[in-house]
Amino acid sequence: MARKLRNIAQGNTHYCFSHCHGKRDLLKSRWCSRYMVQAIQKCQEKYNFELIAAEPVGNQINIIIRTLEDQETVSRIMQYIKARIAEMYNRSTEQSGAFWNERFYSIVIEEQDNPEQYLLELLWKIGYKPVLKGLSRDPRKNYIGFINSYLIKDYKALVDITLHYYFTSLGYNFEECVEKFLLFEQACIRQL
């Protein structure tokens, strides 16, 4: 049976995730998480896209990307990031072979029933994944710390984060946006 074609619609926001081969916790260590950061940084230098969120979670990566019209597709961006991570890992461990379990999964945010709510809740869910895995005690202290970009004005995460327009449209100023965004954290905590 043929695989379903991926929706690579340009100008949309894509939630992407992929598991390590055998669902091993290869991204649990700091040095492997650094490979993800370096891969994203190189990708940001090479391609034009908006990184909304990114966090390694033990055996998987979670990335939210907004592609831009007439620029690289989500497939090209994710292929580049995954290939660089695998390359750095195999070089450092002097191994060869698969690092990733399968092709990455992708969900187009704008195609969800309530895309704004879906994205704002998803940001917190990604932030809390390392907490649930015991890799962190607070999403604000995760390795990449992307969530702080949505909580602290001019915060510099390990990778360049672009605040999504669903967040910036929550209020008239940054403080008002944060206040409303924190309500989504409370909803996320109740679901945990």
C-alpha atoms as a PDB file:
ATOM      1  CA  MET A   1       0.000   0.000   0.000  1.00  0.00           C
ATOM      2  CA  ALA A   2       1.394   3.395  -0.968  1.00  0.00           C
ATOM      3  CA  ARG A   3       2.160   5.962   1.701  1.00  0.00           C
ATOM      4  CA  LYS A   4      -0.170   8.904   2.042  1.00  0.00           C
ATOM      5  CA  LEU A   5       1.387  12.016   0.535  1.00  0.00           C
ATOM      6  CA  ARG A   6       2.546  14.601   3.033  1.00  0.00           C
ATOM      7  CA  ASN A   7       0.838  17.985   3.011  1.00  0.00           C
ATOM      8  CA  ILE A   8       3.681  20.398   2.253  1.00  0.00           C
ATOM      9  CA  ALA A   9       1.485  23.465   1.779  1.00  0.00           C
ATOM     10  CA  GLN A  10       3.648  26.561   1.893  1.00  0.00           C
ATOM     11  CA  GLY A  11       2.884  29.429   4.238  1.00  0.00           C
ATOM     12  CA  ASN A  12       1.468  27.059   6.863  1.00  0.00           C
ATOM     13  CA  THR A  13       2.535  25.989  10.325  1.00  0.00           C
ATOM     14  CA  HIS A  14       3.628  22.355  10.632  1.00  0.00           C
ATOM     15  CA  TYR A  15       3.986  20.374  13.855  1.00  0.00           C
ATOM     16  CA  CYS A  16       6.672  17.793  13.099  1.00  0.00           C
ATOM     17  CA  PHE A  17       7.975  14.943  15.207  1.00  0.00           C
ATOM     18  CA  SER A  18      10.171  11.937  14.639  1.00  0.00           C
ATOM     19  CA  HIS A  19      11.378   9.051  16.815  1.00  0.00           C
ATOM     20  CA  CYS A  20      14.898   7.699  17.174  1.00  0.00           C
ATOM     21  CA  HIS A  21      15.583   4.236  15.747  1.00  0.00           C
ATOM     22  CA  GLY A  22      14.007   1.585  17.954  1.00  0.00           C
ATOM     23  CA  LYS A  23      12.573   4.435  20.042  1.00  0.00           C
ATOM     24  CA  ARG A  24      15.882   4.500  21.929  1.00  0.00           C
ATOM     25  CA  ASP A  25      16.486   7.540  24.130  1.00  0.00           C
ATOM     26  CA  LEU A  26      19.334   8.836  21.970  1.00  0.00           C
ATOM     27  CA  LEU A  27      18.368  12.474  22.556  1.00  0.00           C
ATOM     28  CA  LYS A  28      18.342  12.093  26.326  1.00  0.00           C
ATOM     29  CA  SER A  29      21.973  13.119  26.731  1.00  0.00           C
ATOM     30  CA  ARG A  30      23.060  16.767  26.599  1.00  0.00           C
ATOM     31  CA  TRP A  31      25.610  16.131  23.840  1.00  0.00           C
ATOM     32  CA  CYS A  32      22.981  14.535  21.594  1.00  0.00           C
ATOM     33  CA  SER A  33      20.557  17.366  22.336  1.00  0.00           C
ATOM     34  CA  ARG A  34      23.344  19.722  21.272  1.00  0.00           C
ATOM     35  CA  TYR A  35      23.375  17.991  17.896  1.00  0.00           C
ATOM     36  CA  MET A  36      19.733  18.957  17.478  1.00  0.00           C
ATOM     37  CA  VAL A  37      20.522  22.578  18.333  1.00  0.00           C
ATOM     38  CA  GLN A  38      23.466  22.662  15.926  1.00  0.00           C
ATOM     39  CA  ALA A  39      21.414  21.025  13.164  1.00  0.00           C
ATOM     40  CA  ILE A  40      18.627  23.580  13.582  1.00  0.00           C
ATOM     41  CA  GLN A  41      21.108  26.465  13.650  1.00  0.00           C
ATOM     42  CA  LYS A  42      22.719  25.251  10.414  1.00  0.00           C
ATOM     43  CA  CYS A  43      19.285  24.808   8.847  1.00  0.00           C
ATOM     44  CA  GLN A  44      18.304  28.350   9.859  1.00  0.00           C
ATOM     45  CA  GLU A  45      21.440  29.640   8.143  1.00  0.00           C
ATOM     46  CA  LYS A  46      20.720  27.639   4.977  1.00  0.00           C
ATOM     47  CA  TYR A  47      16.934  27.935   4.596  1.00  0.00           C
ATOM     48  CA  ASN A  48      14.349  30.653   5.097  1.00  0.00           C
ATOM     49  CA  PHE A  49      11.577  29.543   7.501  1.00  0.00           C
ATOM     50  CA  GLU A  50      10.159  30.415  10.911  1.00  0.00           C
ATOM     51  CA  LEU A  51      10.963  28.145  13.841  1.00  0.00           C
ATOM     52  CA  ILE A  52       8.055  28.392  16.256  1.00  0.00           C
ATOM     53  CA  ALA A  53       9.182  25.752  18.771  1.00  0.00           C
ATOM     54  CA  ALA A  54      11.729  22.963  19.141  1.00  0.00           C
ATOM     55  CA  GLU A  55      12.545  20.553  21.946  1.00  0.00           C
ATOM     56  CA  PRO A  56      14.313  17.175  22.156  1.00  0.00           C
ATOM     57  CA  VAL A  57      12.446  14.645  24.293  1.00  0.00           C
ATOM     58  CA  GLY A  58      14.506  11.521  24.967  1.00  0.00           C
ATOM     59  CA  ASN A  59      13.563   9.404  21.979  1.00  0.00           C
ATOM     60  CA  GLN A  60      12.046  12.044  19.711  1.00  0.00           C
ATOM     61  CA  ILE A  61      12.277  15.560  18.376  1.00  0.00           C
ATOM     62  CA  ASN A  62       9.342  17.961  18.404  1.00  0.00           C
ATOM     63  CA  ILE A  63       9.519  20.921  16.059  1.00  0.00           C
ATOM     64  CA  ILE A  64       6.967  23.488  14.925  1.00  0.00           C
ATOM     65  CA  ILE A  65       7.896  25.167  11.648  1.00  0.00           C
ATOM     66  CA  ARG A  66       6.098  27.806   9.635  1.00  0.00           C
ATOM     67  CA  THR A  67       7.137  27.587   6.013  1.00  0.00           C
ATOM     68  CA  LEU A  68       7.188  30.682   3.846  1.00  0.00           C
ATOM     69  CA  GLU A  69       5.720  31.118   0.379  1.00  0.00           C
ATOM     70  CA  ASP A  70       8.125  30.184  -2.447  1.00  0.00           C
ATOM     71  CA  GLN A  71      10.756  28.923   0.039  1.00  0.00           C
ATOM     72  CA  GLU A  72      11.817  25.450   1.176  1.00  0.00           C
ATOM     73  CA  THR A  73       9.171  22.873   2.023  1.00  0.00           C
ATOM     74  CA  VAL A  74       8.702  21.361   5.454  1.00  0.00           C
ATOM     75  CA  SER A  75      10.031  18.094   3.989  1.00  0.00           C
ATOM     76  CA  ARG A  76      13.297  19.704   2.888  1.00  0.00           C
ATOM     77  CA  ILE A  77      13.752  21.444   6.254  1.00  0.00           C
ATOM     78  CA  MET A  78      13.074  18.327   8.327  1.00  0.00           C
ATOM     79  CA  GLN A  79      15.208  16.162   6.041  1.00  0.00           C
ATOM     80  CA  TYR A  80      18.117  18.543   6.558  1.00  0.00           C
ATOM     81  CA  ILE A  81      17.718  18.677  10.363  1.00  0.00           C
ATOM     82  CA  LYS A  82      17.341  14.917  10.769  1.00  0.00           C
ATOM     83  CA  ALA A  83      20.275  14.162   8.449  1.00  0.00           C
ATOM     84  CA  ARG A  84      22.600  16.561  10.330  1.00  0.00           C
ATOM     85  CA  ILE A  85      21.656  15.063  13.725  1.00  0.00           C
ATOM     86  CA  ALA A  86      22.268  11.513  12.459  1.00  0.00           C
ATOM     87  CA  GLU A  87      25.528  12.548  10.820  1.00  0.00           C
ATOM     88  CA  MET A  88      26.885  14.183  13.993  1.00  0.00           C
ATOM     89  CA  TYR A  89      25.789  11.271  16.178  1.00  0.00           C
ATOM     90  CA  ASN A  90      27.312   8.614  13.910  1.00  0.00           C
ATOM     91  CA  ARG A  91      30.553  10.574  13.587  1.00  0.00           C
ATOM     92  CA  SER A  92      30.891  11.038  17.366  1.00  0.00           C
ATOM     93  CA  THR A  93      30.099   7.392  18.180  1.00  0.00           C
ATOM     94  CA  GLU A  94      31.986   5.999  15.175  1.00  0.00           C
ATOM     95  CA  GLN A  95      28.868   4.124  14.151  1.00  0.00           C
ATOM     96  CA  SER A  96      26.924   3.862  10.957  1.00  0.00           C
ATOM     97  CA  GLY A  97      23.333   3.058  10.238  1.00  0.00           C
ATOM     98  CA  ALA A  98      19.947   4.434  11.043  1.00  0.00           C
ATOM     99  CA  PHE A  99      19.456   7.074  13.708  1.00  0.00           C
ATOM    100  CA  TRP A 100      15.776   7.682  12.944  1.00  0.00           C
ATOM    101  CA  ASN A 101      12.985   5.136  13.127  1.00  0.00           C
ATOM    102  CA  GLU A 102      10.852   6.381  10.260  1.00  0.00           C
ATOM    103  CA  ARG A 103       9.919   9.369   8.216  1.00  0.00           C
ATOM    104  CA  PHE A 104       8.752  12.285  10.289  1.00  0.00           C
ATOM    105  CA  TYR A 105       5.112  12.937  11.075  1.00  0.00           C
ATOM    106  CA  SER A 106       3.568  16.290  10.272  1.00  0.00           C
ATOM    107  CA  ILE A 107       0.310  17.981  11.224  1.00  0.00           C
ATOM    108  CA  VAL A 108      -0.732  21.240   9.555  1.00  0.00           C
ATOM    109  CA  ILE A 109      -1.937  23.525  12.353  1.00  0.00           C
ATOM    110  CA  GLU A 110      -4.149  25.686  10.126  1.00  0.00           C
ATOM    111  CA  GLU A 111      -6.152  22.601   9.106  1.00  0.00           C
ATOM    112  CA  GLN A 112      -7.246  21.785  12.659  1.00  0.00           C
ATOM    113  CA  ASP A 113     -10.768  22.566  13.914  1.00  0.00           C
ATOM    114  CA  ASN A 114      -9.588  25.457  16.087  1.00  0.00           C
ATOM    115  CA  PRO A 115      -6.040  26.176  14.865  1.00  0.00           C
ATOM    116  CA  GLU A 116      -5.281  28.982  17.337  1.00  0.00           C
ATOM    117  CA  GLN A 117      -6.245  26.929  20.373  1.00  0.00           C
ATOM    118  CA  TYR A 118      -4.551  23.847  18.933  1.00  0.00           C
ATOM    119  CA  LEU A 119      -1.221  25.656  18.495  1.00  0.00           C
ATOM    120  CA  LEU A 120      -1.236  27.467  21.844  1.00  0.00           C
ATOM    121  CA  GLU A 121      -2.041  24.222  23.700  1.00  0.00           C
ATOM    122  CA  LEU A 122       0.521  22.336  21.611  1.00  0.00           C
ATOM    123  CA  LEU A 123       3.285  24.750  22.621  1.00  0.00           C
ATOM    124  CA  TRP A 124       2.672  23.871  26.274  1.00  0.00           C
ATOM    125  CA  LYS A 125       2.323  20.149  25.537  1.00  0.00           C
ATOM    126  CA  ILE A 126       5.721  20.152  23.831  1.00  0.00           C
ATOM    127  CA  GLY A 127       7.122  22.157  26.740  1.00  0.00           C
ATOM    128  CA  TYR A 128       5.803  19.612  29.251  1.00  0.00           C
ATOM    129  CA  LYS A 129       6.990  16.497  27.370  1.00  0.00           C
ATOM    130  CA  PRO A 130      10.504  16.626  28.913  1.00  0.00           C
ATOM    131  CA  VAL A 131       8.888  17.106  32.336  1.00  0.00           C
ATOM    132  CA  LEU A 132       6.738  13.998  31.880  1.00  0.00           C
ATOM    133  CA  LYS A 133       9.829  12.017  30.768  1.00  0.00           C
ATOM    134  CA  GLY A 134      11.748  13.118  33.879  1.00  0.00           C
ATOM    135  CA  LEU A 135      14.269  15.139  31.836  1.00  0.00           C
ATOM    136  CA  SER A 136      13.243  18.467  33.368  1.00  0.00           C
ATOM    137  CA  ARG A 137      11.166  19.766  36.260  1.00  0.00           C
ATOM    138  CA  ASP A 138       9.737  22.798  34.516  1.00  0.00           C
ATOM    139  CA  PRO A 139       9.186  23.649  30.819  1.00  0.00           C
ATOM    140  CA  ARG A 140      10.944  26.954  31.504  1.00  0.00           C
ATOM    141  CA  LYS A 141      14.139  24.986  32.290  1.00  0.00           C
ATOM    142  CA  ASN A 142      14.118  22.581  29.330  1.00  0.00           C
ATOM    143  CA  TYR A 143      17.265  22.212  27.253  1.00  0.00           C
ATOM    144  CA  ILE A 144      16.308  24.507  24.375  1.00  0.00           C
ATOM    145  CA  GLY A 145      13.878  26.501  26.484  1.00  0.00           C
ATOM    146  CA  PHE A 146      11.776  27.716  23.558  1.00  0.00           C
ATOM    147  CA  ILE A 147       8.773  28.327  25.855  1.00  0.00           C
ATOM    148  CA  ASN A 148      10.662  31.206  27.512  1.00  0.00           C
ATOM    149  CA  SER A 149      10.549  33.060  24.197  1.00  0.00           C
ATOM    150  CA  TYR A 150       6.779  33.214  24.736  1.00  0.00           C
ATOM    151  CA  LEU A 151       7.112  34.295  28.371  1.00  0.00           C
ATOM    152  CA  ILE A 152      10.110  36.649  28.555  1.00  0.00           C
ATOM    153  CA  LYS A 153      10.372  39.609  26.209  1.00  0.00           C
ATOM    154  CA  ASP A 154      13.492  39.438  23.996  1.00  0.00           C
ATOM    155  CA  TYR A 155      14.491  36.025  25.424  1.00  0.00           C
ATOM    156  CA  LYS A 156      17.262  34.325  23.436  1.00  0.00           C
ATOM    157  CA  ALA A 157      16.759  30.561  23.240  1.00  0.00           C
ATOM    158  CA  LEU A 158      19.524  28.276  21.949  1.00  0.00           C
ATOM    159  CA  VAL A 159      17.911  28.534  18.495  1.00  0.00           C
ATOM    160  CA  ASP A 160      16.151  31.500  16.881  1.00  0.00           C
ATOM    161  CA  ILE A 161      12.456  31.324  17.765  1.00  0.00           C
ATOM    162  CA  THR A 162       9.821  33.306  15.880  1.00  0.00           C
ATOM    163  CA  LEU A 163       6.727  34.065  17.940  1.00  0.00           C
ATOM    164  CA  HIS A 164       3.723  32.703  16.070  1.00  0.00           C
ATOM    165  CA  TYR A 165       1.050  35.206  15.074  1.00  0.00           C
ATOM    166  CA  TYR A 166      -1.540  33.229  17.076  1.00  0.00           C
ATOM    167  CA  PHE A 167       0.462  34.186  20.148  1.00  0.00           C
ATOM    168  CA  THR A 168       1.070  37.800  19.159  1.00  0.00           C
ATOM    169  CA  SER A 169      -2.628  38.274  18.395  1.00  0.00           C
ATOM    170  CA  LEU A 170      -3.619  37.346  21.969  1.00  0.00           C
ATOM    171  CA  GLY A 171      -3.211  40.930  23.175  1.00  0.00           C
ATOM    172  CA  TYR A 172      -2.207  44.494  22.461  1.00  0.00           C
ATOM    173  CA  ASN A 173       1.245  44.130  24.010  1.00  0.00           C
ATOM    174  CA  PHE A 174       3.647  41.347  24.969  1.00  0.00           C
ATOM    175  CA  GLU A 175       2.576  41.309  28.622  1.00  0.00           C
ATOM    176  CA  GLU A 176      -1.089  40.865  27.701  1.00  0.00           C
ATOM    177  CA  CYS A 177      -0.168  38.044  25.293  1.00  0.00           C
ATOM    178  CA  VAL A 178       1.788  36.283  28.054  1.00  0.00           C
ATOM    179  CA  GLU A 179      -1.071  36.661  30.526  1.00  0.00           C
ATOM    180  CA  LYS A 180      -3.503  34.970  28.129  1.00  0.00           C
ATOM    181  CA  PHE A 181      -0.917  32.381  27.038  1.00  0.00           C
ATOM    182  CA  LEU A 182      -0.474  31.268  30.658  1.00  0.00           C
ATOM    183  CA  LEU A 183      -4.146  30.221  30.689  1.00  0.00           C
ATOM    184  CA  PHE A 184      -3.237  27.580  28.129  1.00  0.00           C
ATOM    185  CA  GLU A 185      -0.554  26.277  30.507  1.00  0.00           C
ATOM    186  CA  GLN A 186      -3.178  25.832  33.207  1.00  0.00           C
ATOM    187  CA  ALA A 187      -5.381  23.891  30.781  1.00  0.00           C
ATOM    188  CA  CYS A 188      -2.388  21.726  29.816  1.00  0.00           C
ATOM    189  CA  ILE A 189      -1.560  20.997  33.476  1.00  0.00           C
ATOM    190  CA  ARG A 190      -5.161  19.894  34.129  1.00  0.00           C
ATOM    191  CA  GLN A 191      -4.860  17.414  31.254  1.00  0.00           C
ATOM    192  CA  LEU A 192      -1.586  15.873  32.526  1.00  0.00           C
END
